[in-house]
Amino acid sequence: MIILSLPIALPKIVGIGVFDASITYKGCTETKDRSVSLFELDFVTDNGGQAIINGKSAPITENLLIFAKPGSSRHTVLPFRCYFIHLTVPHGEIYDILTGCPDTLNPKEPEKFKKIYLKLVEAYNFPDEFSELVIAENILALCRLIKKEVRGLKQNDNLRKSSVNPEIIENAISYIEKNYAEKLTLKTISEHVNVSPTYFHKLFLKAVGISPNEFLLQRRIRIAKNLLLTTDIPLVEIASECGFSSQSYFNYAFKRATGTTPKEYRSCKNSEYLL
C-alpha cells in the first residue's frame, strides 16, 4: 500500500456574510484607514465608490474581487456593497495562492465566483449538519478558481510585455484550451494561427516560457486532476476526455508530471477530503 502525503492546510473562517456600507457607515462618505490583520476576500455586488489598498485606488464595480491581505491598509470611498469572507490561513498552498493575488481583480468568470460566495454565505449563516463540508468544499473551489484567474492574468501580462506577436500567442492559447481533448500537434496549432511550426514554437517559447506541447500537457493534466477529484469516471474515459492517446500514456504522463499515478492521486485526495 502506497501512502501519499498531499497536505492542504485549510483556513480558519472568521466571518462570511453580506456587507452594506450604507448601513454600517450611515451618513458617511468614506471609511477610516485601517490595518488589515487577516485575509479579507470581497466580491462586489454593486457599482460603488473607490477601494483604496496600500494607497492605491481602484473603482468599485460589480463583480470586482478585492483581496486585502494581513499587514496591508485599506479604506473605502462609499458606496460599497459586497459578499465577504474573512479568514486566517496557515502557511501552505492556500496561503501562497492568496498572498500571490493582486489587490483587485476583474474575473473572467464572475458568475462562478458569485455562485461560490452565495453557497458560503448560506452555509455559514444558516448552518445544518452538512455546513462544515459545504464550507470546506467551496473554500477549496474558490481558491482553485482564484489561482486560475491569477495565472491567466500573469500570462496576459507576460504576453503584453513580450516583444513577440501577442495576438498569435493569445489565439493559440485559446485554441489549445478549447480543443485540448483533440489530437493536437505543433503543426495543427501553428496552422490555426497561420505561421510555420518552427516560427510558432520559437514565438510561444519566448512569450510563455514553455513549449506549446508542454503547455498542452499541463492543460490536460489540470483537467484530469479535476475529473479525478470530482467524479468517479473510469480512468480510461478520463484519458480519452483529456486528449491522451491511451490510458497507459495517461498514467505515464500524469505520474511524470505529479509524482503519482492517477489512481493513487484519486485515492489520496478522496481520503484526505473525507477526513
Foldseek 3Di string as FASTA:
>chain_A
DDADDDDDFDWAWPDWAKDWCCVVVPPDQKDDKDADAFWKKWFFQAFWAWKAKQRDIDGRHHRKIFIHHHGIIIMTGDDTITIMTTTHTDDDDLVVLRVLADRMDRFPCSVVVVVLSVQLNCCVVPPDPCSVLSNRVSVVVNSVRSSVRVVVVVLVVLLVPDPDDSVLLVQLVVVLLVQLLEQDDLQVSCVVSPDHSVVVQVRNCRRRVDGPVVVSLVSLLVQLLVCLQPHPDDQQVSCNRRNHPGSVVQQVSNCVVPVHGSVVSSVNNVVVSVD
